[in-house]
C-alpha atoms as a PDB file:
ATOM      1  CA  UNK A   1       9.743 -59.323  14.095  1.00  0.00           C
ATOM      2  CA  UNK A   2       6.247 -57.886  14.477  1.00  0.00           C
ATOM      3  CA  UNK A   3       4.758 -61.292  15.299  1.00  0.00           C
ATOM      4  CA  UNK A   4       7.510 -62.014  17.812  1.00  0.00           C
ATOM      5  CA  UNK A   5       6.740 -58.777  19.643  1.00  0.00           C
ATOM      6  CA  UNK A   6       3.010 -59.532  19.695  1.00  0.00           C
ATOM      7  CA  UNK A   7       3.612 -63.008  21.101  1.00  0.00           C
ATOM      8  CA  UNK A   8       6.073 -61.614  23.650  1.00  0.00           C
ATOM      9  CA  UNK A   9       3.569 -58.955  24.758  1.00  0.00           C
ATOM     10  CA  UNK A  10       0.801 -61.539  25.161  1.00  0.00           C
ATOM     11  CA  UNK A  11       3.096 -63.819  27.152  1.00  0.00           C
ATOM     12  CA  UNK A  12       4.231 -60.963  29.390  1.00  0.00           C
ATOM     13  CA  UNK A  13       0.635 -59.984  30.117  1.00  0.00           C
ATOM     14  CA  UNK A  14      -0.309 -63.579  30.904  1.00  0.00           C
ATOM     15  CA  UNK A  15       2.668 -64.102  33.209  1.00  0.00           C
ATOM     16  CA  UNK A  16       2.058 -60.780  34.921  1.00  0.00           C
ATOM     17  CA  UNK A  17      -1.528 -61.648  35.675  1.00  0.00           C
ATOM     18  CA  UNK A  18      -0.668 -65.214  36.618  1.00  0.00           C
ATOM     19  CA  UNK A  19       1.712 -63.960  39.292  1.00  0.00           C
ATOM     20  CA  UNK A  20      -1.090 -62.089  41.001  1.00  0.00           C
ATOM     21  CA  UNK A  21      -2.522 -64.588  43.511  1.00  0.00           C
ATOM     22  CA  UNK A  22      -5.813 -62.760  44.019  1.00  0.00           C
ATOM     23  CA  UNK A  23      -6.421 -62.762  40.274  1.00  0.00           C
ATOM     24  CA  UNK A  24      -6.070 -66.549  40.111  1.00  0.00           C
ATOM     25  CA  UNK A  25      -8.683 -67.044  42.821  1.00  0.00           C
ATOM     26  CA  UNK A  26     -11.181 -64.521  41.471  1.00  0.00           C
ATOM     27  CA  UNK A  27     -14.517 -66.092  40.570  1.00  0.00           C
ATOM     28  CA  UNK A  28     -16.343 -64.431  37.749  1.00  0.00           C
ATOM     29  CA  UNK A  29     -18.427 -65.078  34.672  1.00  0.00           C
ATOM     30  CA  UNK A  30     -15.916 -65.464  31.850  1.00  0.00           C
ATOM     31  CA  UNK A  31     -16.411 -65.432  28.114  1.00  0.00           C
ATOM     32  CA  UNK A  32     -14.066 -67.454  25.944  1.00  0.00           C
ATOM     33  CA  UNK A  33     -14.031 -66.477  22.297  1.00  0.00           C
ATOM     34  CA  UNK A  34     -11.862 -66.091  19.230  1.00  0.00           C
ATOM     35  CA  UNK A  35     -10.549 -62.976  17.561  1.00  0.00           C
ATOM     36  CA  UNK A  36      -8.451 -62.542  14.475  1.00  0.00           C
ATOM     37  CA  UNK A  37      -5.891 -59.959  13.547  1.00  0.00           C
ATOM     38  CA  UNK A  38      -3.315 -59.509  10.873  1.00  0.00           C
ATOM     39  CA  UNK A  39      -2.822 -58.172   7.402  1.00  0.00           C
ATOM     40  CA  UNK A  40      -3.425 -59.734   4.001  1.00  0.00           C
ATOM     41  CA  UNK A  41      -2.225 -57.567   1.124  1.00  0.00           C
ATOM     42  CA  UNK A  42      -4.593 -58.846  -1.588  1.00  0.00           C
ATOM     43  CA  UNK A  43      -8.181 -57.756  -0.954  1.00  0.00           C
ATOM     44  CA  UNK A  44      -9.756 -60.904  -2.433  1.00  0.00           C
ATOM     45  CA  UNK A  45      -7.545 -63.132  -0.283  1.00  0.00           C
ATOM     46  CA  UNK A  46      -8.318 -61.010   2.784  1.00  0.00           C
ATOM     47  CA  UNK A  47     -12.054 -61.313   2.108  1.00  0.00           C
ATOM     48  CA  UNK A  48     -11.796 -65.098   1.703  1.00  0.00           C
ATOM     49  CA  UNK A  49      -9.906 -65.508   4.982  1.00  0.00           C
ATOM     50  CA  UNK A  50     -12.282 -63.141   6.765  1.00  0.00           C
ATOM     51  CA  UNK A  51     -15.280 -65.132   5.526  1.00  0.00           C
ATOM     52  CA  UNK A  52     -13.624 -68.409   6.589  1.00  0.00           C
ATOM     53  CA  UNK A  53     -13.015 -67.223  10.141  1.00  0.00           C
ATOM     54  CA  UNK A  54     -16.436 -65.581  10.442  1.00  0.00           C
ATOM     55  CA  UNK A  55     -18.104 -68.810   9.377  1.00  0.00           C
ATOM     56  CA  UNK A  56     -16.010 -71.147  11.512  1.00  0.00           C
ATOM     57  CA  UNK A  57     -14.726 -69.269  14.572  1.00  0.00           C
ATOM     58  CA  UNK A  58     -16.350 -65.883  15.090  1.00  0.00           C
ATOM     59  CA  UNK A  59     -20.044 -66.757  15.305  1.00  0.00           C
ATOM     60  CA  UNK A  60     -22.035 -66.475  18.499  1.00  0.00           C
ATOM     61  CA  UNK A  61     -22.121 -70.275  18.698  1.00  0.00           C
ATOM     62  CA  UNK A  62     -18.303 -70.232  18.935  1.00  0.00           C
ATOM     63  CA  UNK A  63     -18.432 -68.408  22.274  1.00  0.00           C
ATOM     64  CA  UNK A  64     -18.154 -70.345  25.536  1.00  0.00           C
ATOM     65  CA  UNK A  65     -19.240 -68.999  28.895  1.00  0.00           C
ATOM     66  CA  UNK A  66     -17.663 -70.193  32.116  1.00  0.00           C
ATOM     67  CA  UNK A  67     -18.380 -69.384  35.735  1.00  0.00           C
ATOM     68  CA  UNK A  68     -15.562 -70.093  38.150  1.00  0.00           C
ATOM     69  CA  UNK A  69     -12.057 -69.141  39.102  1.00  0.00           C
ATOM     70  CA  UNK A  70      -9.750 -67.302  36.765  1.00  0.00           C
ATOM     71  CA  UNK A  71      -7.247 -70.153  36.677  1.00  0.00           C
ATOM     72  CA  UNK A  72      -9.970 -72.684  35.822  1.00  0.00           C
ATOM     73  CA  UNK A  73     -11.286 -70.350  33.119  1.00  0.00           C
ATOM     74  CA  UNK A  74      -7.811 -70.055  31.576  1.00  0.00           C
ATOM     75  CA  UNK A  75      -7.447 -73.845  31.595  1.00  0.00           C
ATOM     76  CA  UNK A  76     -10.859 -74.216  29.960  1.00  0.00           C
ATOM     77  CA  UNK A  77      -9.933 -71.575  27.367  1.00  0.00           C
ATOM     78  CA  UNK A  78      -6.682 -73.307  26.502  1.00  0.00           C
ATOM     79  CA  UNK A  79      -8.429 -76.682  26.160  1.00  0.00           C
ATOM     80  CA  UNK A  80     -11.126 -75.065  24.007  1.00  0.00           C
ATOM     81  CA  UNK A  81      -8.477 -73.407  21.846  1.00  0.00           C
ATOM     82  CA  UNK A  82      -6.490 -76.602  21.378  1.00  0.00           C
ATOM     83  CA  UNK A  83      -9.606 -78.566  20.402  1.00  0.00           C
ATOM     84  CA  UNK A  84     -10.782 -75.950  17.918  1.00  0.00           C
ATOM     85  CA  UNK A  85      -7.278 -75.248  16.547  1.00  0.00           C
ATOM     86  CA  UNK A  86      -7.113 -78.802  15.269  1.00  0.00           C
ATOM     87  CA  UNK A  87     -10.100 -78.059  12.992  1.00  0.00           C
ATOM     88  CA  UNK A  88      -8.481 -75.069  11.278  1.00  0.00           C
ATOM     89  CA  UNK A  89      -7.976 -75.531   7.545  1.00  0.00           C
ATOM     90  CA  UNK A  90      -4.381 -74.329   7.456  1.00  0.00           C
ATOM     91  CA  UNK A  91      -3.994 -75.212   3.784  1.00  0.00           C
ATOM     92  CA  UNK A  92      -6.918 -72.962   2.899  1.00  0.00           C
ATOM     93  CA  UNK A  93      -5.455 -70.090   4.902  1.00  0.00           C
ATOM     94  CA  UNK A  94      -1.972 -70.548   3.453  1.00  0.00           C
ATOM     95  CA  UNK A  95      -3.414 -70.660  -0.058  1.00  0.00           C
ATOM     96  CA  UNK A  96      -4.519 -67.047   0.498  1.00  0.00           C
ATOM     97  CA  UNK A  97      -1.177 -65.859   1.851  1.00  0.00           C
ATOM     98  CA  UNK A  98       0.776 -64.690  -1.171  1.00  0.00           C
ATOM     99  CA  UNK A  99       2.752 -61.639  -0.063  1.00  0.00           C
ATOM    100  CA  UNK A 100       5.801 -61.513   2.243  1.00  0.00           C
ATOM    101  CA  UNK A 101       3.893 -59.102   4.511  1.00  0.00           C
ATOM    102  CA  UNK A 102       0.832 -61.362   4.870  1.00  0.00           C
ATOM    103  CA  UNK A 103       0.120 -62.666   8.358  1.00  0.00           C
ATOM    104  CA  UNK A 104      -3.052 -63.755  10.137  1.00  0.00           C
ATOM    105  CA  UNK A 105      -3.576 -64.725  13.779  1.00  0.00           C
ATOM    106  CA  UNK A 106      -6.360 -66.715  15.403  1.00  0.00           C
ATOM    107  CA  UNK A 107      -6.423 -65.682  19.055  1.00  0.00           C
ATOM    108  CA  UNK A 108      -8.316 -67.212  21.957  1.00  0.00           C
ATOM    109  CA  UNK A 109      -9.472 -64.462  24.305  1.00  0.00           C
ATOM    110  CA  UNK A 110     -10.847 -64.720  27.809  1.00  0.00           C
ATOM    111  CA  UNK A 111     -12.804 -61.823  29.226  1.00  0.00           C
ATOM    112  CA  UNK A 112     -14.529 -61.221  32.508  1.00  0.00           C
ATOM    113  CA  UNK A 113     -15.576 -58.330  34.684  1.00  0.00           C
ATOM    114  CA  UNK A 114     -12.010 -57.156  35.280  1.00  0.00           C
ATOM    115  CA  UNK A 115      -9.980 -58.833  32.566  1.00  0.00           C
ATOM    116  CA  UNK A 116      -9.681 -59.317  28.844  1.00  0.00           C
ATOM    117  CA  UNK A 117      -6.615 -61.040  27.514  1.00  0.00           C
ATOM    118  CA  UNK A 118      -5.263 -63.436  24.946  1.00  0.00           C
ATOM    119  CA  UNK A 119      -4.491 -66.865  26.350  1.00  0.00           C
ATOM    120  CA  UNK A 120      -3.438 -68.705  23.178  1.00  0.00           C
ATOM    121  CA  UNK A 121      -2.865 -68.016  19.510  1.00  0.00           C
ATOM    122  CA  UNK A 122      -1.733 -69.512  16.256  1.00  0.00           C
ATOM    123  CA  UNK A 123      -0.586 -67.699  13.139  1.00  0.00           C
ATOM    124  CA  UNK A 124       0.045 -68.249   9.469  1.00  0.00           C
ATOM    125  CA  UNK A 125       2.424 -66.136   7.431  1.00  0.00           C
ATOM    126  CA  UNK A 126       4.367 -66.117   4.183  1.00  0.00           C
ATOM    127  CA  UNK A 127       7.475 -67.604   5.807  1.00  0.00           C
ATOM    128  CA  UNK A 128       5.460 -70.563   7.124  1.00  0.00           C
ATOM    129  CA  UNK A 129       3.996 -71.088   3.665  1.00  0.00           C
ATOM    130  CA  UNK A 130       7.502 -71.134   2.166  1.00  0.00           C
ATOM    131  CA  UNK A 131       8.765 -73.564   4.821  1.00  0.00           C
ATOM    132  CA  UNK A 132       5.879 -75.967   4.263  1.00  0.00           C
ATOM    133  CA  UNK A 133       6.278 -75.749   0.465  1.00  0.00           C
ATOM    134  CA  UNK A 134       9.941 -76.660   0.882  1.00  0.00           C
ATOM    135  CA  UNK A 135       9.072 -79.649   3.039  1.00  0.00           C
ATOM    136  CA  UNK A 136       6.534 -81.006   0.550  1.00  0.00           C
ATOM    137  CA  UNK A 137       8.786 -80.657  -2.511  1.00  0.00           C
END
């Protein structure tokens, strides 16, 4: 339920801003980057996932700058996210999810002078791990 509410809130914010015509036309210097959030019960598993994301998605070299309209920046961010999402080692992440409360999000964030918002995300949780284990058995 918690993840559904987070996704719903992100979608509502995106749709609210998208409906504002002046926001879509605003030119700015935008930064496209990744953030993570979630909870992993076991400290060793949490440390392993944290190290994985820091090494592969949260370094300075994983940040993209873009100068242009807001709508073009969002499109660029979504393309960037989709390209990088394909490189995620989901099996590694799921191997460190071992508690029903475990969940981790990788979020693509766009920020500019007057905005900071999530434009795309992907998550892994215990339920997904169970579903994929069922499929492979």
